[in-house]
Amino acid sequence: MTDIMTALALTVLGPLSVGLLLGVDRKLTARMQNRVGPPILQPFYDLIKLFGKERRADNQAQISYAAACLLLQMVAFIIFATGGDLLVAFFVSGAGNLALALGAFSSRSAFGQIGGQRELLQVLAYEPVLFLVIFMLGWWNGSFLSDSYSDNLLGVMILVLVAMMPVVLIVMQKSPFDIATAHQEIVSGVYVEYSGTYLGILELAHWFELAFIFAVMTLFYNDDDVVLSIAIKVAIVLAFVFFAILIDNSSARLTRWDMIKLTLLIGIGLVSVNMAAIWLHTEGVF
């Protein structure tokens, strides 16, 4: 019963925490640009406003893909929160991203088509890295079940954790990797033909997707002291969000192909170096 209540609490608190983080993100970004910025709760106000607007869509397929995107991202996070298999959650979340791209392709808008293509390129760039990170976690732990992690992995897998930085930048739609939603070029890309409630559904799906990504990062630290464990997990997520904001405000957008090359180079490179270090250590080289 306690496990069920914990899972339910995580399922609710996960996206709510992401909404709060996005509010902090907007506030910090504004401060870095010498602006006052919106209140921290602004993402919640925006979401409530979107759900209160008139329901309009280009076609029925667009509505179905938006609903599928939210459902799949929600299921991926629930799998994690209930102690399920990380690989299954990874593939379910990936299917949610595919639904988002298909929704953009279903419209006749050229901006939507370009946004859909760029969304797929982003998925192509970061999903291999995320898969490798999850694979390394499961390989070291001997299980992919999210509730089976009890060790502190920061000492042995710090580079694997750092490899998540490009993934966080892409999923948070930050420069230099904000290719699919390049506001100045393609007017929000995959979201351009959505409005009102359906745009709110996609925004909520994005919160669940981010919640899953951040949840994977929390697996790198575990301690018998529950308070300390939670504090370090939160600190890891906050550190990544802060550096994402810093990079976003100090870099220009990459081209599509540079995004893919850089993400794969950094991500796969760091995971490979960490894997080689673990192997050399187990062989007694150092």
Foldseek 3Di string as FASTA:
>chain_A
DVLVVQLVVLLVVLLVVLLLLVLVLQCVLQVVVVHRGDHSNVSVVVLVFLQPDDFDFPDPLLLVLLLQLLVLLSVLLSCLSSQHFNVVSLVSNVVSLLSLLVSLVVDPDPLSPQLSVLSVLLCLQASVLVVLLLVVLCVVQVGRGNVSQAAQQCVQQVLSLVLCLLVLLQLVLFPQNVRSQPCVPRNGHSCNRGGGSSSSSNVSSSSSNVSSSLSSSLSNGHDPPVVVSVVVSVVSSSVSSVVSSVNRNPDHHDDSVVSRVVSCCSRVVSSVVSVVVVVCVVVVVD
